[in-house]
């Protein structure tokens, strides 16, 4: 009884691994498109009032997916600077 259950579990685990191996970008920390920033918009497009930082309202209006302002705001001041933004973006910007 234990042997057939073990065999089924091994088959299921093997098929799950095979599905991930077909996608070379899945869970790959070296792939810039699989970063937590996942195609974040440009800093300038989100900083709509051009004050050099992104507020919670600006962040929310930009509808950044898979990311919260708190995750990007490294110094926890409630705002995101260009440097903080660039650390999470796959396309760092300079100014």
N, C-alpha and C. Protein backbone atom coordinates (compact mmCIF):
# COMPACT_ATOMS: atom_id res chain seq x y z
N UNK A 1 0.83 -1.20 0.00
CA UNK A 1 0.00 0.00 0.00
C UNK A 1 0.87 1.26 0.00
N UNK A 2 1.95 1.24 0.78
CA UNK A 2 2.81 2.42 0.86
C UNK A 2 3.58 2.64 -0.44
N UNK A 3 3.92 1.57 -1.13
CA UNK A 3 4.73 1.68 -2.34
C UNK A 3 3.98 2.40 -3.46
N UNK A 4 2.71 2.08 -3.76
CA UNK A 4 2.00 2.80 -4.83
C UNK A 4 1.81 4.29 -4.50
N UNK A 5 1.56 4.62 -3.26
CA UNK A 5 1.40 6.03 -2.87
C UNK A 5 2.71 6.77 -3.07
N UNK A 6 3.81 6.15 -2.69
CA UNK A 6 5.11 6.77 -2.86
C UNK A 6 5.42 6.97 -4.34
N UNK A 7 5.08 6.01 -5.15
CA UNK A 7 5.32 6.12 -6.59
C UNK A 7 4.51 7.26 -7.20
N UNK A 8 3.27 7.42 -6.79
CA UNK A 8 2.43 8.50 -7.29
C UNK A 8 3.00 9.84 -6.87
N UNK A 9 3.42 9.96 -5.63
CA UNK A 9 4.00 11.21 -5.14
C UNK A 9 5.27 11.57 -5.91
N UNK A 10 6.11 10.59 -6.17
CA UNK A 10 7.33 10.84 -6.93
C UNK A 10 7.02 11.28 -8.36
N UNK A 11 6.01 10.68 -8.97
CA UNK A 11 5.62 11.08 -10.32
C UNK A 11 5.09 12.51 -10.34
N UNK A 12 4.29 12.87 -9.36
CA UNK A 12 3.76 14.23 -9.29
C UNK A 12 4.88 15.24 -9.07
N UNK A 13 5.81 14.92 -8.19
CA UNK A 13 6.93 15.82 -7.93
C UNK A 13 7.79 15.98 -9.19
N UNK A 14 8.00 14.90 -9.91
CA UNK A 14 8.79 14.95 -11.13
C UNK A 14 8.14 15.78 -12.21
N UNK A 15 6.82 15.68 -12.33
CA UNK A 15 6.13 16.47 -13.36
C UNK A 15 6.13 17.95 -13.00
N UNK A 16 6.05 18.29 -11.73
CA UNK A 16 6.11 19.69 -11.31
C UNK A 16 7.48 20.28 -11.61
N UNK A 17 8.53 19.53 -11.37
CA UNK A 17 9.88 20.00 -11.68
C UNK A 17 10.06 20.16 -13.19
N UNK A 18 9.49 19.26 -13.95
CA UNK A 18 9.62 19.34 -15.40
C UNK A 18 8.92 20.58 -15.95
N UNK A 19 7.79 20.95 -15.37
CA UNK A 19 7.09 22.14 -15.83
C UNK A 19 7.93 23.38 -15.60
N UNK A 20 8.60 23.50 -14.45
CA UNK A 20 9.45 24.66 -14.18
C UNK A 20 10.70 24.66 -15.05
N UNK A 21 11.20 23.49 -15.41
CA UNK A 21 12.42 23.45 -16.23
C UNK A 21 12.14 23.89 -17.66
N UNK A 22 10.87 23.84 -18.09
CA UNK A 22 10.52 24.31 -19.43
C UNK A 22 10.50 25.82 -19.51
N UNK A 23 10.48 26.51 -18.38
CA UNK A 23 10.46 27.97 -18.35
C UNK A 23 11.77 28.46 -17.76
N UNK A 24 12.76 28.84 -18.59
CA UNK A 24 14.08 29.20 -18.08
C UNK A 24 14.09 30.47 -17.23
N UNK A 25 13.02 31.28 -17.29
CA UNK A 25 12.99 32.51 -16.49
C UNK A 25 12.33 32.31 -15.14
N UNK A 26 11.67 31.17 -14.92
CA UNK A 26 10.96 30.95 -13.66
C UNK A 26 11.92 30.85 -12.49
N UNK A 27 11.70 31.69 -11.50
CA UNK A 27 12.48 31.68 -10.26
C UNK A 27 13.98 31.77 -10.50
N UNK A 28 14.39 32.52 -11.48
CA UNK A 28 15.80 32.68 -11.79
C UNK A 28 16.25 34.06 -11.33
N UNK A 29 16.99 34.15 -10.21
CA UNK A 29 17.39 35.46 -9.69
C UNK A 29 18.35 36.20 -10.61
N UNK A 30 18.98 35.50 -11.56
CA UNK A 30 19.90 36.16 -12.48
C UNK A 30 19.20 36.72 -13.71
N UNK A 31 17.91 36.47 -13.83
CA UNK A 31 17.15 36.95 -14.98
C UNK A 31 16.46 38.27 -14.61
N UNK A 32 16.81 39.37 -15.27
CA UNK A 32 16.24 40.66 -14.90
C UNK A 32 14.73 40.75 -15.08
N UNK A 33 14.14 39.92 -15.93
CA UNK A 33 12.69 39.98 -16.09
C UNK A 33 11.96 39.21 -15.00
N UNK A 34 12.68 38.48 -14.15
CA UNK A 34 12.05 37.73 -13.06
C UNK A 34 12.38 38.38 -11.72
N UNK A 35 12.71 39.64 -11.71
CA UNK A 35 13.01 40.33 -10.47
C UNK A 35 11.72 40.84 -9.85
N UNK A 36 11.80 41.22 -8.60
CA UNK A 36 10.60 41.71 -7.94
C UNK A 36 10.07 42.97 -8.60
N UNK A 37 10.91 43.71 -9.30
CA UNK A 37 10.48 44.92 -9.98
C UNK A 37 9.66 44.67 -11.22
N UNK A 38 9.69 43.48 -11.74
CA UNK A 38 8.95 43.04 -12.91
C UNK A 38 8.46 44.17 -13.80
N UNK A 39 9.36 44.68 -14.60
CA UNK A 39 9.00 45.69 -15.59
C UNK A 39 8.37 46.93 -14.96
N UNK A 40 8.99 47.42 -13.93
CA UNK A 40 8.50 48.64 -13.29
C UNK A 40 8.54 49.79 -14.29
N UNK A 41 7.58 50.69 -14.21
CA UNK A 41 7.63 51.86 -15.09
C UNK A 41 8.81 52.74 -14.73
N UNK A 42 9.11 53.69 -15.58
CA UNK A 42 10.24 54.57 -15.30
C UNK A 42 9.93 55.46 -14.10
N UNK A 43 10.97 55.82 -13.39
CA UNK A 43 10.83 56.69 -12.22
C UNK A 43 10.15 58.00 -12.62
N UNK A 44 10.60 58.58 -13.73
CA UNK A 44 10.05 59.86 -14.17
C UNK A 44 8.56 59.78 -14.51
N UNK A 45 8.12 58.66 -15.01
CA UNK A 45 6.70 58.53 -15.33
C UNK A 45 5.83 58.39 -14.08
N UNK A 46 6.42 57.93 -12.98
CA UNK A 46 5.67 57.76 -11.75
C UNK A 46 5.75 59.02 -10.87
N UNK A 47 6.88 59.70 -10.91
CA UNK A 47 7.05 60.95 -10.14
C UNK A 47 6.35 62.09 -10.88
N UNK A 48 5.04 62.08 -10.83
CA UNK A 48 4.25 63.00 -11.65
C UNK A 48 4.38 64.46 -11.24
N UNK A 49 4.69 64.75 -9.98
CA UNK A 49 4.85 66.15 -9.58
C UNK A 49 6.29 66.62 -9.67
N UNK A 50 7.17 65.75 -10.13
CA UNK A 50 8.58 66.07 -10.40
C UNK A 50 9.33 66.62 -9.18
N UNK A 51 9.01 66.09 -8.01
CA UNK A 51 9.72 66.55 -6.81
C UNK A 51 10.92 65.67 -6.47
N UNK A 52 11.21 64.67 -7.28
CA UNK A 52 12.38 63.82 -7.07
C UNK A 52 12.13 62.62 -6.18
N UNK A 53 10.88 62.41 -5.79
CA UNK A 53 10.54 61.22 -5.01
C UNK A 53 9.13 60.78 -5.35
N UNK A 54 8.85 59.52 -5.10
CA UNK A 54 7.54 58.95 -5.41
C UNK A 54 6.78 58.78 -4.10
N UNK A 55 5.63 59.40 -4.02
CA UNK A 55 4.77 59.28 -2.84
C UNK A 55 3.90 58.04 -2.94
N UNK A 56 3.20 57.73 -1.86
CA UNK A 56 2.27 56.59 -1.88
C UNK A 56 1.19 56.81 -2.94
N UNK A 57 0.67 58.03 -3.03
CA UNK A 57 -0.38 58.33 -4.02
C UNK A 57 0.14 58.15 -5.45
N UNK A 58 1.34 58.62 -5.72
CA UNK A 58 1.91 58.46 -7.06
C UNK A 58 2.16 56.98 -7.36
N UNK A 59 2.66 56.25 -6.36
CA UNK A 59 2.92 54.82 -6.52
C UNK A 59 1.62 54.08 -6.84
N UNK A 60 0.58 54.38 -6.07
CA UNK A 60 -0.72 53.73 -6.28
C UNK A 60 -1.29 54.07 -7.65
N UNK A 61 -1.18 55.33 -8.06
CA UNK A 61 -1.71 55.76 -9.35
C UNK A 61 -0.99 55.07 -10.51
N UNK A 62 0.28 54.74 -10.32
CA UNK A 62 1.06 54.07 -11.37
C UNK A 62 0.69 52.60 -11.52
N UNK A 63 -0.02 52.06 -10.53
CA UNK A 63 -0.45 50.66 -10.55
C UNK A 63 0.72 49.72 -10.78
N UNK A 64 1.77 49.90 -9.99
CA UNK A 64 2.94 49.03 -10.07
C UNK A 64 2.52 47.65 -9.58
N UNK A 65 2.76 46.64 -10.42
CA UNK A 65 2.34 45.29 -10.08
C UNK A 65 3.41 44.55 -9.29
N UNK A 66 2.97 43.65 -8.44
CA UNK A 66 3.85 42.75 -7.68
C UNK A 66 4.83 43.48 -6.78
N UNK A 67 4.49 44.68 -6.35
CA UNK A 67 5.41 45.46 -5.53
C UNK A 67 4.59 46.45 -4.71
N UNK A 68 5.03 46.68 -3.48
CA UNK A 68 4.42 47.72 -2.66
C UNK A 68 5.44 48.82 -2.44
N UNK A 69 4.96 50.01 -2.11
CA UNK A 69 5.88 51.10 -1.84
C UNK A 69 6.81 50.73 -0.69
N UNK A 70 6.30 50.07 0.31
CA UNK A 70 7.12 49.68 1.46
C UNK A 70 8.28 48.78 1.07
N UNK A 71 8.11 47.96 0.05
CA UNK A 71 9.19 47.08 -0.40
C UNK A 71 10.30 47.86 -1.09
N UNK A 72 9.95 48.95 -1.73
CA UNK A 72 10.93 49.75 -2.46
C UNK A 72 11.56 50.81 -1.55
N UNK A 73 10.80 51.30 -0.59
CA UNK A 73 11.22 52.37 0.32
C UNK A 73 12.17 51.81 1.38
N UNK A 74 13.45 51.79 1.06
CA UNK A 74 14.44 51.15 1.94
C UNK A 74 14.66 51.87 3.26
N UNK A 75 14.52 53.19 3.28
CA UNK A 75 14.76 53.91 4.53
C UNK A 75 13.47 54.21 5.29
N UNK A 76 12.36 53.68 4.82
CA UNK A 76 11.05 53.77 5.49
C UNK A 76 10.61 55.19 5.79
N UNK A 77 10.88 56.11 4.85
CA UNK A 77 10.44 57.49 5.05
C UNK A 77 9.11 57.78 4.36
N UNK A 78 8.50 56.76 3.76
CA UNK A 78 7.22 56.93 3.11
C UNK A 78 7.32 57.45 1.69
N UNK A 79 8.52 57.66 1.21
CA UNK A 79 8.76 58.14 -0.15
C UNK A 79 9.83 57.26 -0.78
N UNK A 80 9.82 57.20 -2.11
CA UNK A 80 10.82 56.41 -2.81
C UNK A 80 11.68 57.35 -3.65
N UNK A 81 12.98 57.33 -3.37
CA UNK A 81 13.91 58.15 -4.14
C UNK A 81 14.27 57.44 -5.44
N UNK A 82 14.92 58.15 -6.34
CA UNK A 82 15.36 57.55 -7.60
C UNK A 82 16.32 56.38 -7.31
N UNK A 83 17.23 56.55 -6.35
CA UNK A 83 18.17 55.48 -6.03
C UNK A 83 17.44 54.24 -5.52
N UNK A 84 16.45 54.42 -4.65
CA UNK A 84 15.67 53.29 -4.14
C UNK A 84 14.93 52.62 -5.30
N UNK A 85 14.36 53.44 -6.18
CA UNK A 85 13.63 52.91 -7.34
C UNK A 85 14.54 52.06 -8.22
N UNK A 86 15.73 52.61 -8.50
CA UNK A 86 16.67 51.91 -9.38
C UNK A 86 17.11 50.57 -8.83
N UNK A 87 17.16 50.43 -7.53
CA UNK A 87 17.57 49.15 -6.94
C UNK A 87 16.54 48.05 -7.18
N UNK A 88 15.31 48.44 -7.51
CA UNK A 88 14.25 47.46 -7.76
C UNK A 88 13.82 47.40 -9.21
N UNK A 89 14.39 48.23 -10.03
CA UNK A 89 13.99 48.29 -11.43
C UNK A 89 14.95 47.47 -12.28
N UNK A 90 14.42 46.90 -13.36
CA UNK A 90 15.27 46.17 -14.29
C UNK A 90 15.90 47.12 -15.31
N UNK A 91 15.53 48.41 -15.28
CA UNK A 91 16.11 49.42 -16.16
C UNK A 91 16.50 50.64 -15.35
N UNK A 92 17.59 50.56 -14.60
CA UNK A 92 18.00 51.72 -13.76
C UNK A 92 18.17 52.99 -14.58
N UNK A 93 17.80 54.10 -13.98
CA UNK A 93 17.89 55.41 -14.63
C UNK A 93 18.89 56.27 -13.90
N UNK A 94 19.48 57.18 -14.62
CA UNK A 94 20.43 58.11 -14.00
C UNK A 94 19.91 59.52 -14.15
N UNK A 95 20.31 60.35 -13.22
CA UNK A 95 19.94 61.75 -13.27
C UNK A 95 21.06 62.57 -12.72
